[in-house]
Amino acid sequence: MNLDRAVLAFAGSGVFTSLALAAFVHPAWIWLAVFASVNMIQAAFTGFCPAAMVFKRLGVKPGALFR
């Protein structure tokens, strides 16, 4: 798994988990999905992604998007 796929999997699982928690635990969990979505939009325009930096330090191979 390269860095791009790891970041996309992490973001997708964060949004899915947030939506499940909002549906079954408390509606305020929707804010986690909002945060993840805003972070994905910001990363698309700036190329800066904190999750990519963490995965890179963990030794995940770089992909084409986050170098």
PDB file of N, CA and C in Angstrom:
ATOM      1  N   MET A   1       0.856  -1.171   0.000  1.00  0.00           N
ATOM      2  CA  MET A   1       0.000   0.000   0.000  1.00  0.00           C
ATOM      3  C   MET A   1       0.900   1.232   0.000  1.00  0.00           C
ATOM      4  N   ASN A   2       0.614   2.153  -0.918  1.00  0.00           N
ATOM      5  CA  ASN A   2       1.415   3.365  -0.949  1.00  0.00           C
ATOM      6  C   ASN A   2       0.751   4.460  -0.116  1.00  0.00           C
ATOM      7  N   LEU A   3       1.416   5.593  -0.021  1.00  0.00           N
ATOM      8  CA  LEU A   3       0.980   6.690   0.833  1.00  0.00           C
ATOM      9  C   LEU A   3      -0.372   7.245   0.415  1.00  0.00           C
ATOM     10  N   ASP A   4      -0.597   7.369  -0.883  1.00  0.00           N
ATOM     11  CA  ASP A   4      -1.872   7.914  -1.368  1.00  0.00           C
ATOM     12  C   ASP A   4      -3.048   7.046  -0.930  1.00  0.00           C
ATOM     13  N   ARG A   5      -2.908   5.761  -1.109  1.00  0.00           N
ATOM     14  CA  ARG A   5      -3.996   4.849  -0.728  1.00  0.00           C
ATOM     15  C   ARG A   5      -4.187   4.808   0.778  1.00  0.00           C
ATOM     16  N   ALA A   6      -3.105   4.906   1.532  1.00  0.00           N
ATOM     17  CA  ALA A   6      -3.220   4.911   2.997  1.00  0.00           C
ATOM     18  C   ALA A   6      -3.980   6.141   3.478  1.00  0.00           C
ATOM     19  N   VAL A   7      -3.684   7.298   2.897  1.00  0.00           N
ATOM     20  CA  VAL A   7      -4.377   8.530   3.275  1.00  0.00           C
ATOM     21  C   VAL A   7      -5.850   8.454   2.903  1.00  0.00           C
ATOM     22  N   LEU A   8      -6.159   7.974   1.705  1.00  0.00           N
ATOM     23  CA  LEU A   8      -7.551   7.858   1.284  1.00  0.00           C
ATOM     24  C   LEU A   8      -8.314   6.863   2.149  1.00  0.00           C
ATOM     25  N   ALA A   9      -7.688   5.745   2.504  1.00  0.00           N
ATOM     26  CA  ALA A   9      -8.336   4.758   3.367  1.00  0.00           C
ATOM     27  C   ALA A   9      -8.577   5.322   4.759  1.00  0.00           C
ATOM     28  N   PHE A  10      -7.609   6.064   5.274  1.00  0.00           N
ATOM     29  CA  PHE A  10      -7.752   6.668   6.600  1.00  0.00           C
ATOM     30  C   PHE A  10      -8.872   7.700   6.601  1.00  0.00           C
ATOM     31  N   ALA A  11      -8.909   8.555   5.591  1.00  0.00           N
ATOM     32  CA  ALA A  11      -9.949   9.588   5.516  1.00  0.00           C
ATOM     33  C   ALA A  11     -11.331   8.957   5.337  1.00  0.00           C
ATOM     34  N   GLY A  12     -11.431   7.975   4.482  1.00  0.00           N
ATOM     35  CA  GLY A  12     -12.715   7.313   4.261  1.00  0.00           C
ATOM     36  C   GLY A  12     -13.213   6.587   5.493  1.00  0.00           C
ATOM     37  N   SER A  13     -12.310   5.914   6.197  1.00  0.00           N
ATOM     38  CA  SER A  13     -12.734   5.216   7.410  1.00  0.00           C
ATOM     39  C   SER A  13     -13.099   6.207   8.510  1.00  0.00           C
ATOM     40  N   GLY A  14     -12.437   7.362   8.539  1.00  0.00           N
ATOM     41  CA  GLY A  14     -12.795   8.386   9.520  1.00  0.00           C
ATOM     42  C   GLY A  14     -14.183   8.948   9.279  1.00  0.00           C
ATOM     43  N   VAL A  15     -14.500   9.209   8.022  1.00  0.00           N
ATOM     44  CA  VAL A  15     -15.835   9.725   7.686  1.00  0.00           C
ATOM     45  C   VAL A  15     -16.890   8.665   7.969  1.00  0.00           C
ATOM     46  N   PHE A  16     -16.641   7.436   7.570  1.00  0.00           N
ATOM     47  CA  PHE A  16     -17.612   6.362   7.802  1.00  0.00           C
ATOM     48  C   PHE A  16     -17.843   6.135   9.292  1.00  0.00           C
ATOM     49  N   THR A  17     -16.776   6.097  10.071  1.00  0.00           N
ATOM     50  CA  THR A  17     -16.901   5.914  11.516  1.00  0.00           C
ATOM     51  C   THR A  17     -17.680   7.059  12.141  1.00  0.00           C
ATOM     52  N   SER A  18     -17.391   8.269  11.710  1.00  0.00           N
ATOM     53  CA  SER A  18     -18.092   9.432  12.228  1.00  0.00           C
ATOM     54  C   SER A  18     -19.589   9.357  11.933  1.00  0.00           C
ATOM     55  N   LEU A  19     -19.946   8.978  10.721  1.00  0.00           N
ATOM     56  CA  LEU A  19     -21.359   8.875  10.363  1.00  0.00           C
ATOM     57  C   LEU A  19     -22.059   7.773  11.146  1.00  0.00           C
ATOM     58  N   ALA A  20     -21.379   6.658  11.362  1.00  0.00           N
ATOM     59  CA  ALA A  20     -21.964   5.578  12.152  1.00  0.00           C
ATOM     60  C   ALA A  20     -22.164   6.015  13.603  1.00  0.00           C
ATOM     61  N   LEU A  21     -21.170   6.699  14.169  1.00  0.00           N
ATOM     62  CA  LEU A  21     -21.300   7.188  15.544  1.00  0.00           C
ATOM     63  C   LEU A  21     -22.400   8.234  15.655  1.00  0.00           C
ATOM     64  N   ALA A  22     -22.538   9.080  14.641  1.00  0.00           N
ATOM     65  CA  ALA A  22     -23.604  10.086  14.660  1.00  0.00           C
ATOM     66  C   ALA A  22     -24.977   9.434  14.586  1.00  0.00           C
ATOM     67  N   ALA A  23     -25.073   8.339  13.867  1.00  0.00           N
ATOM     68  CA  ALA A  23     -26.364   7.669  13.729  1.00  0.00           C
ATOM     69  C   ALA A  23     -26.739   6.858  14.967  1.00  0.00           C
ATOM     70  N   PHE A  24     -25.748   6.243  15.608  1.00  0.00           N
ATOM     71  CA  PHE A  24     -26.060   5.306  16.683  1.00  0.00           C
ATOM     72  C   PHE A  24     -25.700   5.786  18.090  1.00  0.00           C
ATOM     73  N   VAL A  25     -24.851   6.799  18.221  1.00  0.00           N
ATOM     74  CA  VAL A  25     -24.421   7.239  19.550  1.00  0.00           C
ATOM     75  C   VAL A  25     -24.945   8.629  19.862  1.00  0.00           C
ATOM     76  N   HIS A  26     -24.465   9.616  19.106  1.00  0.00           N
ATOM     77  CA  HIS A  26     -24.880  11.002  19.356  1.00  0.00           C
ATOM     78  C   HIS A  26     -24.675  11.806  18.081  1.00  0.00           C
ATOM     79  N   PRO A  27     -25.624  12.677  17.742  1.00  0.00           N
ATOM     80  CA  PRO A  27     -25.515  13.450  16.499  1.00  0.00           C
ATOM     81  C   PRO A  27     -24.309  14.380  16.424  1.00  0.00           C
ATOM     82  N   ALA A  28     -23.711  14.721  17.527  1.00  0.00           N
ATOM     83  CA  ALA A  28     -22.555  15.625  17.509  1.00  0.00           C
ATOM     84  C   ALA A  28     -21.333  14.997  16.830  1.00  0.00           C
ATOM     85  N   TRP A  29     -21.322  13.680  16.677  1.00  0.00           N
ATOM     86  CA  TRP A  29     -20.206  13.019  15.998  1.00  0.00           C
ATOM     87  C   TRP A  29     -20.111  13.418  14.528  1.00  0.00           C
ATOM     88  N   ILE A  30     -21.133  14.052  14.003  1.00  0.00           N
ATOM     89  CA  ILE A  30     -21.102  14.495  12.606  1.00  0.00           C
ATOM     90  C   ILE A  30     -19.977  15.505  12.385  1.00  0.00           C
ATOM     91  N   TRP A  31     -19.585  16.193  13.432  1.00  0.00           N
ATOM     92  CA  TRP A  31     -18.511  17.189  13.316  1.00  0.00           C
ATOM     93  C   TRP A  31     -17.175  16.551  12.973  1.00  0.00           C
ATOM     94  N   LEU A  32     -16.974  15.302  13.339  1.00  0.00           N
ATOM     95  CA  LEU A  32     -15.749  14.610  12.930  1.00  0.00           C
ATOM     96  C   LEU A  32     -15.739  14.414  11.411  1.00  0.00           C
ATOM     97  N   ALA A  33     -16.881  14.087  10.835  1.00  0.00           N
ATOM     98  CA  ALA A  33     -16.977  13.951   9.378  1.00  0.00           C
ATOM     99  C   ALA A  33     -16.761  15.295   8.699  1.00  0.00           C
ATOM    100  N   VAL A  34     -17.284  16.355   9.295  1.00  0.00           N
ATOM    101  CA  VAL A  34     -17.076  17.700   8.748  1.00  0.00           C
ATOM    102  C   VAL A  34     -15.592  18.041   8.763  1.00  0.00           C
ATOM    103  N   PHE A  35     -14.921  17.767   9.868  1.00  0.00           N
ATOM    104  CA  PHE A  35     -13.486  18.047   9.971  1.00  0.00           C
ATOM    105  C   PHE A  35     -12.697  17.257   8.925  1.00  0.00           C
ATOM    106  N   ALA A  36     -13.002  15.974   8.780  1.00  0.00           N
ATOM    107  CA  ALA A  36     -12.287  15.146   7.804  1.00  0.00           C
ATOM    108  C   ALA A  36     -12.535  15.642   6.381  1.00  0.00           C
ATOM    109  N   SER A  37     -13.763  16.029   6.092  1.00  0.00           N
ATOM    110  CA  SER A  37     -14.087  16.517   4.754  1.00  0.00           C
ATOM    111  C   SER A  37     -13.380  17.826   4.436  1.00  0.00           C
ATOM    112  N   VAL A  38     -13.374  18.745   5.388  1.00  0.00           N
ATOM    113  CA  VAL A  38     -12.680  20.019   5.179  1.00  0.00           C
ATOM    114  C   VAL A  38     -11.184  19.781   4.999  1.00  0.00           C
ATOM    115  N   ASN A  39     -10.628  18.848   5.765  1.00  0.00           N
ATOM    116  CA  ASN A  39      -9.210  18.534   5.636  1.00  0.00           C
ATOM    117  C   ASN A  39      -8.898  17.947   4.261  1.00  0.00           C
ATOM    118  N   MET A  40      -9.792  17.102   3.725  1.00  0.00           N
ATOM    119  CA  MET A  40      -9.571  16.539   2.393  1.00  0.00           C
ATOM    120  C   MET A  40      -9.629  17.621   1.319  1.00  0.00           C
ATOM    121  N   ILE A  41     -10.567  18.538   1.437  1.00  0.00           N
ATOM    122  CA  ILE A  41     -10.671  19.637   0.468  1.00  0.00           C
ATOM    123  C   ILE A  41      -9.429  20.522   0.546  1.00  0.00           C
ATOM    124  N   GLN A  42      -9.004  20.847   1.757  1.00  0.00           N
ATOM    125  CA  GLN A  42      -7.808  21.664   1.946  1.00  0.00           C
ATOM    126  C   GLN A  42      -6.582  20.981   1.342  1.00  0.00           C
ATOM    127  N   ALA A  43      -6.442  19.673   1.547  1.00  0.00           N
ATOM    128  CA  ALA A  43      -5.293  18.940   1.013  1.00  0.00           C
ATOM    129  C   ALA A  43      -5.320  18.900  -0.512  1.00  0.00           C
ATOM    130  N   ALA A  44      -6.507  18.875  -1.099  1.00  0.00           N
ATOM    131  CA  ALA A  44      -6.611  18.858  -2.559  1.00  0.00           C
ATOM    132  C   ALA A  44      -6.079  20.151  -3.169  1.00  0.00           C
ATOM    133  N   PHE A  45      -6.280  21.265  -2.484  1.00  0.00           N
ATOM    134  CA  PHE A  45      -5.839  22.549  -3.021  1.00  0.00           C
ATOM    135  C   PHE A  45      -4.409  22.906  -2.641  1.00  0.00           C
ATOM    136  N   THR A  46      -3.969  22.510  -1.446  1.00  0.00           N
ATOM    137  CA  THR A  46      -2.650  22.937  -0.979  1.00  0.00           C
ATOM    138  C   THR A  46      -1.585  21.857  -1.070  1.00  0.00           C
ATOM    139  N   GLY A  47      -1.991  20.586  -1.069  1.00  0.00           N
ATOM    140  CA  GLY A  47      -1.020  19.501  -1.052  1.00  0.00           C
ATOM    141  C   GLY A  47      -0.493  19.194   0.334  1.00  0.00           C
ATOM    142  N   PHE A  48      -0.953  19.929   1.341  1.00  0.00           N
ATOM    143  CA  PHE A  48      -0.526  19.711   2.726  1.00  0.00           C
ATOM    144  C   PHE A  48      -1.525  18.802   3.422  1.00  0.00           C
ATOM    145  N   CYS A  49      -1.062  17.655   3.906  1.00  0.00           N
ATOM    146  CA  CYS A  49      -1.936  16.696   4.580  1.00  0.00           C
ATOM    147  C   CYS A  49      -1.216  16.152   5.818  1.00  0.00           C
ATOM    148  N   PRO A  50      -1.718  16.474   7.011  1.00  0.00           N
ATOM    149  CA  PRO A  50      -1.089  15.970   8.228  1.00  0.00           C
ATOM    150  C   PRO A  50      -1.051  14.443   8.298  1.00  0.00           C
ATOM    151  N   ALA A  51      -2.104  13.783   7.817  1.00  0.00           N
ATOM    152  CA  ALA A  51      -2.109  12.316   7.832  1.00  0.00           C
ATOM    153  C   ALA A  51      -0.998  11.757   6.950  1.00  0.00           C
ATOM    154  N   ALA A  52      -0.750  12.382   5.813  1.00  0.00           N
ATOM    155  CA  ALA A  52       0.322  11.926   4.930  1.00  0.00           C
ATOM    156  C   ALA A  52       1.677  12.061   5.612  1.00  0.00           C
ATOM    157  N   MET A  53       1.849  13.132   6.377  1.00  0.00           N
ATOM    158  CA  MET A  53       3.112  13.317   7.099  1.00  0.00           C
ATOM    159  C   MET A  53       3.311  12.212   8.140  1.00  0.00           C
ATOM    160  N   VAL A  54       2.237  11.834   8.827  1.00  0.00           N
ATOM    161  CA  VAL A  54       2.329  10.773   9.839  1.00  0.00           C
ATOM    162  C   VAL A  54       2.621   9.432   9.178  1.00  0.00           C
ATOM    163  N   PHE A  55       1.906   9.117   8.114  1.00  0.00           N
ATOM    164  CA  PHE A  55       2.150   7.851   7.428  1.00  0.00           C
ATOM    165  C   PHE A  55       3.558   7.787   6.847  1.00  0.00           C
ATOM    166  N   LYS A  56       4.056   8.913   6.361  1.00  0.00           N
ATOM    167  CA  LYS A  56       5.409   8.954   5.814  1.00  0.00           C
ATOM    168  C   LYS A  56       6.435   8.641   6.898  1.00  0.00           C
ATOM    169  N   ARG A  57       6.217   9.191   8.094  1.00  0.00           N
ATOM    170  CA  ARG A  57       7.137   8.907   9.213  1.00  0.00           C
ATOM    171  C   ARG A  57       7.049   7.463   9.672  1.00  0.00           C
ATOM    172  N   LEU A  58       5.889   6.842   9.445  1.00  0.00           N
ATOM    173  CA  LEU A  58       5.734   5.435   9.805  1.00  0.00           C
ATOM    174  C   LEU A  58       6.354   4.507   8.765  1.00  0.00           C
ATOM    175  N   GLY A  59       6.844   5.061   7.673  1.00  0.00           N
ATOM    176  CA  GLY A  59       7.562   4.271   6.682  1.00  0.00           C
ATOM    177  C   GLY A  59       6.733   3.779   5.516  1.00  0.00           C
ATOM    178  N   VAL A  60       5.560   4.354   5.302  1.00  0.00           N
ATOM    179  CA  VAL A  60       4.741   3.962   4.152  1.00  0.00           C
ATOM    180  C   VAL A  60       5.396   4.517   2.890  1.00  0.00           C
ATOM    181  N   LYS A  61       5.456   3.682   1.846  1.00  0.00           N
ATOM    182  CA  LYS A  61       6.097   4.088   0.596  1.00  0.00           C
ATOM    183  C   LYS A  61       5.351   5.259  -0.032  1.00  0.00           C
ATOM    184  N   PRO A  62       6.088   6.233  -0.571  1.00  0.00           N
ATOM    185  CA  PRO A  62       5.410   7.378  -1.189  1.00  0.00           C
ATOM    186  C   PRO A  62       4.644   7.013  -2.448  1.00  0.00           C
ATOM    187  N   GLY A  63       3.604   7.784  -2.715  1.00  0.00           N
ATOM    188  CA  GLY A  63       2.819   7.587  -3.924  1.00  0.00           C
ATOM    189  C   GLY A  63       3.026   8.797  -4.841  1.00  0.00           C
ATOM    190  N   ALA A  64       2.136   8.981  -5.778  1.00  0.00           N
ATOM    191  CA  ALA A  64       2.274  10.067  -6.734  1.00  0.00           C
ATOM    192  C   ALA A  64       1.767  11.387  -6.193  1.00  0.00           C
ATOM    193  N   LEU A  65       0.823  11.349  -5.253  1.00  0.00           N
ATOM    194  CA  LEU A  65       0.188  12.579  -4.805  1.00  0.00           C
ATOM    195  C   LEU A  65       0.957  13.273  -3.676  1.00  0.00           C
ATOM    196  N   PHE A  66       1.193  12.593  -2.585  1.00  0.00           N
ATOM    197  CA  PHE A  66       1.865  13.185  -1.422  1.00  0.00           C
ATOM    198  C   PHE A  66       3.320  12.744  -1.390  1.00  0.00           C
ATOM    199  N   ARG A  67       4.226  13.658  -1.703  1.00  0.00           N
ATOM    200  CA  ARG A  67       5.658  13.310  -1.716  1.00  0.00           C
ATOM    201  C   ARG A  67       6.403  14.019  -0.635  1.00  0.00           C
TER     202      ARG A  67
END
